[in-house]
Every structure is written in C-alpha cells, then in structure tokens.
Amino acid sequence: MKKLILLITALLFLPVTTQTLYAKADNFYEYRRIITEDTPFYTDAGGINLLFYLPYTYYVKLIEQGEILSHVEIYGQNGIAVMDGYTPTASLFRDNLTVENPYPFLTLKTLDTAVLYQDKSLTEPVCYVFPERNMFYLGQITDPVGKYYYYVSYNNRLGYISEESVVPFTLPNHPNELTFITPDPPAEQPNKPQEQTSNDFFSLKIAVVVCLAFAGIIALFIILKKKEHPSVAVSYYDENDYE
C-alpha cells in the first residue's frame, strides 16, 4: 500500500519536475546577440558597476531573463574562464540562428612595457606587462575623453590596458548573418525603354513635319515656275480673211 502511494505521488510530480528541468536546459543554452557597440556588461544585478562593453555582433548565453537587466554568461571557451554578469534586456536580440563560437577569440600583443590596471579608473595597478606579451581580448571601454581601454585576461589576471600599449588590431564581425539590420529598399530604376520610345516617337513626328514642309516648298516652287513661263498663243492666217 505504501509503495502504491509513493508511486502515485511520483507520477503526479514527475511532469512538473521534467518541465522544470527542460526549461532550465533550454534557458541555459539560449543565446542572444549583441546588436550595438555600447551594450554594457555589469558585474551586479543593479547595473551600477560597469565592467566593459560587450563585443558587437557576438553573443551572450542567457541564464535568466529580467524585465530590465538579464543575467548572462560569456566565454568559457578557448582557455578563457566563464564570466557571468548583467546586461540590458532590451539590448539583446534573438536571431534564431545556429550559433557556433558565440564569443570572440582575439589575442592582443603589447608593443612596449605597459601596466595592467584592476579598475577602469586606472588607479590600482595589477602588474607590468612586458613587450610582445599575449593577452585575451574580453571587451572595451572608454574614458571621459574618449580614449580606449581594453579589458583583457593575462596569465589568469583580469584588467584594463590602454589602446596605445597594444599592436593595432581589428575585431571582425561574427560570421552569422546580421539579421538584426533592416536592408535598405532597392532604389527605383528609371524606365529607360519607355523614355527611349517617347524620344523615337518625337523624332518621327519631327521627320514627318519636315517632309510635309519640304513637299509644300517644292509644290510652291512648281506653281511659281509656271507663272513665270506662260503658254505662247498661236494664230492661223486664212487667205479668205480680209485685212
């Protein structure tokens, strides 16, 4: 009897448990796309501590969708540890495409000896980084005057390094189609055949008018020529006529 009661209880709760597990699995593997160059990545749920701006056209893994901020996860591939944080829900785009390599894998190299800073205010140095050292690109940020700093991972240490301290580079767009961009409507082409037909018809009308005018001139010339040369009157003399 007890076994029967336990079996019935398990069957009653099984659909709910299964549904919850599937929901978590689907949510865990759902990716959303970054569609602006200023999509922030915060370390806190209140959106106060900005870490950097996420790489444009790449993806984040959605952990939990919120009304204002969503809990997301990035990296965890190619030797880069997983990072989780928060980003505006309105800035995340669901493109329903197959996502492979959702995060950028970009290596930066130092030009000269540089300082890796822990904070974006550049007041807490982490370590010196000597020339030709490699580091992983994670995101970027600008200071109040518009100067770029890159958030990087160097020897398992995270921090900011200035733009002029690294070899110039280009971060390509993610290879997936940019479905979030609305294509421009095709420009209307002028109807050239119709225009050509109109031009031909106009030329034909001119030709007809010229021909008629020329024919009229010829006819007038013939009439005037006849008036200039009248017919000669011929008289016959009869011997029976008396003078």
C-alpha atoms as a PDB file:
ATOM      1  CA  MET A   1       0.000   0.000   0.000  1.00  0.00           C
ATOM      2  CA  LYS A   2       2.807   2.396   0.915  1.00  0.00           C
ATOM      3  CA  LYS A   3       4.622   1.572  -2.335  1.00  0.00           C
ATOM      4  CA  LEU A   4       1.457   2.316  -4.310  1.00  0.00           C
ATOM      5  CA  ILE A   5       1.045   5.690  -2.605  1.00  0.00           C
ATOM      6  CA  LEU A   6       4.714   6.564  -3.300  1.00  0.00           C
ATOM      7  CA  LEU A   7       4.334   5.562  -6.943  1.00  0.00           C
ATOM      8  CA  ILE A   8       1.222   7.711  -7.407  1.00  0.00           C
ATOM      9  CA  THR A   9       2.933  10.671  -5.736  1.00  0.00           C
ATOM     10  CA  ALA A  10       5.971  10.293  -8.005  1.00  0.00           C
ATOM     11  CA  LEU A  11       3.789  10.189 -11.117  1.00  0.00           C
ATOM     12  CA  LEU A  12       1.951  13.332 -10.037  1.00  0.00           C
ATOM     13  CA  PHE A  13       5.115  15.334  -9.537  1.00  0.00           C
ATOM     14  CA  LEU A  14       7.059  13.913 -12.499  1.00  0.00           C
ATOM     15  CA  PRO A  15       5.582  16.209 -15.201  1.00  0.00           C
ATOM     16  CA  VAL A  16       6.308  19.308 -13.139  1.00  0.00           C
ATOM     17  CA  THR A  17       9.878  18.210 -12.414  1.00  0.00           C
ATOM     18  CA  THR A  18      10.524  17.251 -16.028  1.00  0.00           C
ATOM     19  CA  GLN A  19       9.116  20.530 -17.303  1.00  0.00           C
ATOM     20  CA  THR A  20      11.307  22.479 -14.891  1.00  0.00           C
ATOM     21  CA  LEU A  21      14.415  20.605 -15.987  1.00  0.00           C
ATOM     22  CA  TYR A  22      13.648  21.182 -19.652  1.00  0.00           C
ATOM     23  CA  ALA A  23      13.001  24.871 -19.036  1.00  0.00           C
ATOM     24  CA  LYS A  24      16.347  25.250 -17.301  1.00  0.00           C
ATOM     25  CA  ALA A  25      18.141  23.387 -20.085  1.00  0.00           C
ATOM     26  CA  ASP A  26      16.544  25.466 -22.840  1.00  0.00           C
ATOM     27  CA  ASN A  27      17.207  28.683 -20.967  1.00  0.00           C
ATOM     28  CA  PHE A  28      20.828  27.702 -20.322  1.00  0.00           C
ATOM     29  CA  TYR A  29      21.598  27.115 -23.995  1.00  0.00           C
ATOM     30  CA  GLU A  30      19.740  30.087 -25.430  1.00  0.00           C
ATOM     31  CA  TYR A  31      21.936  32.733 -26.990  1.00  0.00           C
ATOM     32  CA  ARG A  32      21.142  36.400 -27.507  1.00  0.00           C
ATOM     33  CA  ARG A  33      23.024  38.694 -29.845  1.00  0.00           C
ATOM     34  CA  ILE A  34      24.764  41.986 -29.130  1.00  0.00           C
ATOM     35  CA  ILE A  35      23.439  44.471 -31.684  1.00  0.00           C
ATOM     36  CA  THR A  36      25.029  47.746 -30.551  1.00  0.00           C
ATOM     37  CA  GLU A  37      28.592  48.815 -29.847  1.00  0.00           C
ATOM     38  CA  ASP A  38      27.645  50.222 -26.434  1.00  0.00           C
ATOM     39  CA  THR A  39      25.900  47.253 -24.795  1.00  0.00           C
ATOM     40  CA  PRO A  40      27.175  47.309 -21.181  1.00  0.00           C
ATOM     41  CA  PHE A  41      28.229  44.325 -19.106  1.00  0.00           C
ATOM     42  CA  TYR A  42      27.691  44.875 -15.373  1.00  0.00           C
ATOM     43  CA  THR A  43      29.014  42.772 -12.519  1.00  0.00           C
ATOM     44  CA  ASP A  44      25.983  43.488 -10.317  1.00  0.00           C
ATOM     45  CA  ALA A  45      22.239  42.978 -10.728  1.00  0.00           C
ATOM     46  CA  GLY A  46      21.614  46.682 -10.061  1.00  0.00           C
ATOM     47  CA  GLY A  47      23.572  47.760 -13.148  1.00  0.00           C
ATOM     48  CA  ILE A  48      25.962  50.035 -11.225  1.00  0.00           C
ATOM     49  CA  ASN A  49      29.403  48.534 -11.707  1.00  0.00           C
ATOM     50  CA  LEU A  50      30.140  48.685 -15.454  1.00  0.00           C
ATOM     51  CA  LEU A  51      32.936  46.303 -16.385  1.00  0.00           C
ATOM     52  CA  PHE A  52      33.112  46.876 -20.163  1.00  0.00           C
ATOM     53  CA  TYR A  53      31.059  46.990 -23.345  1.00  0.00           C
ATOM     54  CA  LEU A  54      30.308  43.663 -24.978  1.00  0.00           C
ATOM     55  CA  PRO A  55      31.737  42.819 -28.424  1.00  0.00           C
ATOM     56  CA  TYR A  56      29.376  43.930 -31.199  1.00  0.00           C
ATOM     57  CA  THR A  57      27.608  41.173 -33.272  1.00  0.00           C
ATOM     58  CA  TYR A  58      28.712  38.407 -30.864  1.00  0.00           C
ATOM     59  CA  TYR A  59      26.534  36.518 -28.383  1.00  0.00           C
ATOM     60  CA  VAL A  60      25.864  36.031 -24.687  1.00  0.00           C
ATOM     61  CA  LYS A  61      24.389  32.935 -23.093  1.00  0.00           C
ATOM     62  CA  LEU A  62      21.118  33.730 -21.366  1.00  0.00           C
ATOM     63  CA  ILE A  63      20.875  32.463 -17.793  1.00  0.00           C
ATOM     64  CA  GLU A  64      17.803  34.354 -16.630  1.00  0.00           C
ATOM     65  CA  GLN A  65      15.824  36.987 -18.489  1.00  0.00           C
ATOM     66  CA  GLY A  66      14.762  40.004 -16.459  1.00  0.00           C
ATOM     67  CA  GLU A  67      12.448  42.903 -17.184  1.00  0.00           C
ATOM     68  CA  ILE A  68      15.285  45.469 -17.219  1.00  0.00           C
ATOM     69  CA  LEU A  69      18.530  43.531 -16.836  1.00  0.00           C
ATOM     70  CA  SER A  70      19.159  39.915 -17.774  1.00  0.00           C
ATOM     71  CA  HIS A  71      21.642  37.578 -16.151  1.00  0.00           C
ATOM     72  CA  VAL A  72      24.032  36.349 -18.852  1.00  0.00           C
ATOM     73  CA  GLU A  73      27.201  34.333 -19.253  1.00  0.00           C
ATOM     74  CA  ILE A  74      30.142  34.886 -21.585  1.00  0.00           C
ATOM     75  CA  TYR A  75      33.275  32.998 -22.605  1.00  0.00           C
ATOM     76  CA  GLY A  76      34.222  29.687 -21.047  1.00  0.00           C
ATOM     77  CA  GLN A  77      35.945  28.574 -24.258  1.00  0.00           C
ATOM     78  CA  ASN A  78      39.457  28.584 -25.707  1.00  0.00           C
ATOM     79  CA  GLY A  79      41.089  28.667 -22.299  1.00  0.00           C
ATOM     80  CA  ILE A  80      39.154  31.719 -21.072  1.00  0.00           C
ATOM     81  CA  ALA A  81      37.249  31.233 -17.820  1.00  0.00           C
ATOM     82  CA  VAL A  82      33.493  31.740 -17.660  1.00  0.00           C
ATOM     83  CA  MET A  83      32.248  35.199 -16.675  1.00  0.00           C
ATOM     84  CA  ASP A  84      28.687  35.996 -15.661  1.00  0.00           C
ATOM     85  CA  GLY A  85      27.091  39.399 -15.309  1.00  0.00           C
ATOM     86  CA  TYR A  86      24.127  41.531 -16.264  1.00  0.00           C
ATOM     87  CA  THR A  87      23.185  43.440 -19.389  1.00  0.00           C
ATOM     88  CA  PRO A  88      20.064  45.354 -20.524  1.00  0.00           C
ATOM     89  CA  THR A  89      17.366  43.002 -21.785  1.00  0.00           C
ATOM     90  CA  ALA A  90      16.310  45.467 -24.479  1.00  0.00           C
ATOM     91  CA  SER A  91      19.818  45.306 -25.970  1.00  0.00           C
ATOM     92  CA  LEU A  92      19.711  41.541 -26.540  1.00  0.00           C
ATOM     93  CA  PHE A  93      18.445  40.214 -29.872  1.00  0.00           C
ATOM     94  CA  ARG A  94      17.158  36.706 -30.518  1.00  0.00           C
ATOM     95  CA  ASP A  95      18.001  35.836 -34.135  1.00  0.00           C
ATOM     96  CA  ASN A  96      17.161  32.083 -34.002  1.00  0.00           C
ATOM     97  CA  LEU A  97      20.341  31.215 -35.923  1.00  0.00           C
ATOM     98  CA  THR A  98      22.639  28.291 -35.258  1.00  0.00           C
ATOM     99  CA  VAL A  99      25.373  29.667 -33.002  1.00  0.00           C
ATOM    100  CA  GLU A 100      28.898  28.320 -33.210  1.00  0.00           C
ATOM    101  CA  ASN A 101      31.775  30.078 -31.438  1.00  0.00           C
ATOM    102  CA  PRO A 102      29.481  32.700 -29.858  1.00  0.00           C
ATOM    103  CA  TYR A 103      32.312  34.676 -28.261  1.00  0.00           C
ATOM    104  CA  PRO A 104      35.313  36.344 -29.922  1.00  0.00           C
ATOM    105  CA  PHE A 105      38.694  34.671 -29.611  1.00  0.00           C
ATOM    106  CA  LEU A 106      41.163  37.501 -30.156  1.00  0.00           C
ATOM    107  CA  THR A 107      44.743  37.717 -28.942  1.00  0.00           C
ATOM    108  CA  LEU A 108      46.303  41.130 -28.303  1.00  0.00           C
ATOM    109  CA  LYS A 109      50.047  41.747 -28.162  1.00  0.00           C
ATOM    110  CA  THR A 110      51.818  44.509 -26.247  1.00  0.00           C
ATOM    111  CA  LEU A 111      54.051  46.995 -28.064  1.00  0.00           C
ATOM    112  CA  ASP A 112      56.043  48.227 -25.079  1.00  0.00           C
ATOM    113  CA  THR A 113      56.067  47.677 -21.354  1.00  0.00           C
ATOM    114  CA  ALA A 114      52.594  48.507 -20.114  1.00  0.00           C
ATOM    115  CA  VAL A 115      50.637  48.492 -16.877  1.00  0.00           C
ATOM    116  CA  LEU A 116      47.602  46.273 -16.356  1.00  0.00           C
ATOM    117  CA  TYR A 117      45.091  48.039 -14.122  1.00  0.00           C
ATOM    118  CA  GLN A 118      42.443  46.394 -11.970  1.00  0.00           C
ATOM    119  CA  ASP A 119      39.894  49.228 -12.174  1.00  0.00           C
ATOM    120  CA  LYS A 120      38.673  51.340 -15.071  1.00  0.00           C
ATOM    121  CA  SER A 121      39.771  54.474 -13.200  1.00  0.00           C
ATOM    122  CA  LEU A 122      43.355  53.217 -13.689  1.00  0.00           C
ATOM    123  CA  THR A 123      44.322  53.766 -10.054  1.00  0.00           C
ATOM    124  CA  GLU A 124      45.007  50.170  -8.975  1.00  0.00           C
ATOM    125  CA  PRO A 125      47.828  48.525 -10.963  1.00  0.00           C
ATOM    126  CA  VAL A 126      47.845  44.738 -11.151  1.00  0.00           C
ATOM    127  CA  CYS A 127      51.189  44.090 -12.803  1.00  0.00           C
ATOM    128  CA  TYR A 128      53.608  45.156 -15.509  1.00  0.00           C
ATOM    129  CA  VAL A 129      53.238  43.563 -18.923  1.00  0.00           C
ATOM    130  CA  PHE A 130      56.409  43.480 -20.993  1.00  0.00           C
ATOM    131  CA  PRO A 131      56.623  43.880 -24.810  1.00  0.00           C
ATOM    132  CA  GLU A 132      55.285  41.137 -27.114  1.00  0.00           C
ATOM    133  CA  ARG A 133      53.186  39.505 -24.426  1.00  0.00           C
ATOM    134  CA  ASN A 134      49.896  37.928 -25.473  1.00  0.00           C
ATOM    135  CA  MET A 135      46.579  38.502 -23.745  1.00  0.00           C
ATOM    136  CA  PHE A 136      42.936  37.632 -24.495  1.00  0.00           C
ATOM    137  CA  TYR A 137      40.511  40.354 -25.509  1.00  0.00           C
ATOM    138  CA  LEU A 138      37.255  40.399 -23.498  1.00  0.00           C
ATOM    139  CA  GLY A 139      35.731  43.822 -24.160  1.00  0.00           C
ATOM    140  CA  GLN A 140      36.450  47.530 -24.247  1.00  0.00           C
ATOM    141  CA  ILE A 141      35.616  50.782 -22.537  1.00  0.00           C
ATOM    142  CA  THR A 142      36.379  54.484 -22.989  1.00  0.00           C
ATOM    143  CA  ASP A 143      37.412  57.134 -20.517  1.00  0.00           C
ATOM    144  CA  PRO A 144      35.700  60.568 -20.264  1.00  0.00           C
ATOM    145  CA  VAL A 145      37.874  61.979 -23.073  1.00  0.00           C
ATOM    146  CA  GLY A 146      37.132  59.094 -25.466  1.00  0.00           C
ATOM    147  CA  LYS A 147      40.361  57.139 -25.013  1.00  0.00           C
ATOM    148  CA  TYR A 148      40.012  53.369 -25.452  1.00  0.00           C
ATOM    149  CA  TYR A 149      40.990  50.757 -22.877  1.00  0.00           C
ATOM    150  CA  TYR A 150      40.663  47.026 -23.406  1.00  0.00           C
ATOM    151  CA  TYR A 151      39.557  44.578 -20.768  1.00  0.00           C
ATOM    152  CA  VAL A 152      41.858  41.575 -21.089  1.00  0.00           C
ATOM    153  CA  SER A 153      42.905  38.332 -19.471  1.00  0.00           C
ATOM    154  CA  TYR A 154      46.646  37.980 -18.926  1.00  0.00           C
ATOM    155  CA  ASN A 155      48.081  34.967 -17.099  1.00  0.00           C
ATOM    156  CA  ASN A 156      44.683  34.420 -15.433  1.00  0.00           C
ATOM    157  CA  ARG A 157      44.613  38.044 -14.293  1.00  0.00           C
ATOM    158  CA  LEU A 158      41.899  40.432 -15.412  1.00  0.00           C
ATOM    159  CA  GLY A 159      42.385  44.116 -16.013  1.00  0.00           C
ATOM    160  CA  TYR A 160      42.477  47.132 -18.307  1.00  0.00           C
ATOM    161  CA  ILE A 161      45.262  48.074 -20.692  1.00  0.00           C
ATOM    162  CA  SER A 162      45.468  51.215 -22.842  1.00  0.00           C
ATOM    163  CA  GLU A 163      44.952  51.189 -26.592  1.00  0.00           C
ATOM    164  CA  GLU A 164      48.386  52.614 -27.414  1.00  0.00           C
ATOM    165  CA  SER A 165      50.066  49.808 -25.452  1.00  0.00           C
ATOM    166  CA  VAL A 166      48.972  47.061 -27.869  1.00  0.00           C
ATOM    167  CA  VAL A 167      49.573  46.288 -31.523  1.00  0.00           C
ATOM    168  CA  PRO A 168      46.713  47.731 -33.656  1.00  0.00           C
ATOM    169  CA  PHE A 169      44.063  45.133 -34.439  1.00  0.00           C
ATOM    170  CA  THR A 170      40.603  44.659 -35.932  1.00  0.00           C
ATOM    171  CA  LEU A 171      37.812  42.658 -34.379  1.00  0.00           C
ATOM    172  CA  PRO A 172      35.764  41.157 -37.246  1.00  0.00           C
ATOM    173  CA  ASN A 173      32.022  40.709 -37.004  1.00  0.00           C
ATOM    174  CA  HIS A 174      30.637  37.336 -36.030  1.00  0.00           C
ATOM    175  CA  PRO A 175      30.250  35.206 -39.194  1.00  0.00           C
ATOM    176  CA  ASN A 176      26.487  34.775 -38.687  1.00  0.00           C
ATOM    177  CA  GLU A 177      24.230  36.862 -40.899  1.00  0.00           C
ATOM    178  CA  LEU A 178      23.362  40.267 -39.459  1.00  0.00           C
ATOM    179  CA  THR A 179      19.620  39.625 -39.394  1.00  0.00           C
ATOM    180  CA  PHE A 180      19.005  42.469 -36.964  1.00  0.00           C
ATOM    181  CA  ILE A 181      19.899  45.041 -39.642  1.00  0.00           C
ATOM    182  CA  THR A 182      16.995  46.034 -41.898  1.00  0.00           C
ATOM    183  CA  PRO A 183      18.205  46.169 -45.525  1.00  0.00           C
ATOM    184  CA  ASP A 184      17.651  49.371 -47.471  1.00  0.00           C
ATOM    185  CA  PRO A 185      14.848  49.193 -50.063  1.00  0.00           C
ATOM    186  CA  PRO A 186      16.140  48.916 -53.645  1.00  0.00           C
ATOM    187  CA  ALA A 187      16.353  52.209 -55.497  1.00  0.00           C
ATOM    188  CA  GLU A 188      13.779  52.706 -58.230  1.00  0.00           C
ATOM    189  CA  GLN A 189      15.316  52.453 -61.678  1.00  0.00           C
ATOM    190  CA  PRO A 190      14.138  54.920 -64.375  1.00  0.00           C
ATOM    191  CA  ASN A 191      12.026  53.383 -67.118  1.00  0.00           C
ATOM    192  CA  LYS A 192      14.610  53.795 -69.863  1.00  0.00           C
ATOM    193  CA  PRO A 193      12.796  51.784 -72.613  1.00  0.00           C
ATOM    194  CA  GLN A 194       9.684  53.948 -72.276  1.00  0.00           C
ATOM    195  CA  GLU A 195      11.805  57.072 -72.357  1.00  0.00           C
ATOM    196  CA  GLN A 196      13.566  55.802 -75.474  1.00  0.00           C
ATOM    197  CA  THR A 197      10.204  55.047 -77.171  1.00  0.00           C
ATOM    198  CA  SER A 198       8.951  58.559 -76.387  1.00  0.00           C
ATOM    199  CA  ASN A 199      12.111  60.051 -77.868  1.00  0.00           C
ATOM    200  CA  ASP A 200      11.750  57.928 -81.020  1.00  0.00           C
ATOM    201  CA  PHE A 201       8.088  58.956 -81.452  1.00  0.00           C
ATOM    202  CA  PHE A 202       9.014  62.621 -81.046  1.00  0.00           C
ATOM    203  CA  SER A 203      11.778  62.273 -83.655  1.00  0.00           C
ATOM    204  CA  LEU A 204       9.337  60.611 -86.069  1.00  0.00           C
ATOM    205  CA  LYS A 205       6.881  63.481 -85.674  1.00  0.00           C
ATOM    206  CA  ILE A 206       9.600  65.990 -86.466  1.00  0.00           C
ATOM    207  CA  ALA A 207      10.631  63.995 -89.552  1.00  0.00           C
ATOM    208  CA  VAL A 208       7.033  63.928 -90.831  1.00  0.00           C
ATOM    209  CA  VAL A 209       6.638  67.667 -90.321  1.00  0.00           C
ATOM    210  CA  VAL A 210       9.919  68.363 -92.130  1.00  0.00           C
ATOM    211  CA  CYS A 211       8.891  66.125 -95.050  1.00  0.00           C
ATOM    212  CA  LEU A 212       5.498  67.857 -95.355  1.00  0.00           C
ATOM    213  CA  ALA A 213       7.132  71.260 -95.223  1.00  0.00           C
ATOM    214  CA  PHE A 214       9.647  70.245 -97.882  1.00  0.00           C
ATOM    215  CA  ALA A 215       6.877  68.892-100.119  1.00  0.00           C
ATOM    216  CA  GLY A 216       4.970  72.158 -99.736  1.00  0.00           C
ATOM    217  CA  ILE A 217       8.034  74.174-100.706  1.00  0.00           C
ATOM    218  CA  ILE A 218       8.500  72.042-103.837  1.00  0.00           C
ATOM    219  CA  ALA A 219       4.841  72.449-104.820  1.00  0.00           C
ATOM    220  CA  LEU A 220       5.027  76.208-104.338  1.00  0.00           C
ATOM    221  CA  PHE A 221       8.189  76.367-106.427  1.00  0.00           C
ATOM    222  CA  ILE A 222       6.499  74.490-109.291  1.00  0.00           C
ATOM    223  CA  ILE A 223       3.474  76.840-109.231  1.00  0.00           C
ATOM    224  CA  LEU A 224       5.660  79.944-109.326  1.00  0.00           C
ATOM    225  CA  LYS A 225       7.711  78.471-112.187  1.00  0.00           C
ATOM    226  CA  LYS A 226       4.586  78.014-114.310  1.00  0.00           C
ATOM    227  CA  LYS A 227       3.525  81.617-113.817  1.00  0.00           C
ATOM    228  CA  GLU A 228       6.912  82.865-114.973  1.00  0.00           C
ATOM    229  CA  HIS A 229       6.610  80.942-118.364  1.00  0.00           C
ATOM    230  CA  PRO A 230       3.002  81.385-119.807  1.00  0.00           C
ATOM    231  CA  SER A 231       1.921  79.459-122.898  1.00  0.00           C
ATOM    232  CA  VAL A 232       2.556  81.205-126.371  1.00  0.00           C
ATOM    233  CA  ALA A 233      -0.647  81.926-128.338  1.00  0.00           C
ATOM    234  CA  VAL A 234      -0.611  80.550-131.954  1.00  0.00           C
ATOM    235  CA  SER A 235      -2.707  82.344-134.668  1.00  0.00           C
ATOM    236  CA  TYR A 236      -3.596  80.920-138.045  1.00  0.00           C
ATOM    237  CA  TYR A 237      -3.841  83.063-141.166  1.00  0.00           C
ATOM    238  CA  ASP A 238      -6.572  82.309-143.638  1.00  0.00           C
ATOM    239  CA  GLU A 239      -6.324  83.727-147.162  1.00  0.00           C
ATOM    240  CA  ASN A 240     -10.011  84.269-147.190  1.00  0.00           C
ATOM    241  CA  ASP A 241      -9.684  86.722-144.326  1.00  0.00           C
ATOM    242  CA  TYR A 242      -9.693  90.388-145.300  1.00  0.00           C
ATOM    243  CA  GLU A 243      -7.378  92.762-143.656  1.00  0.00           C
END
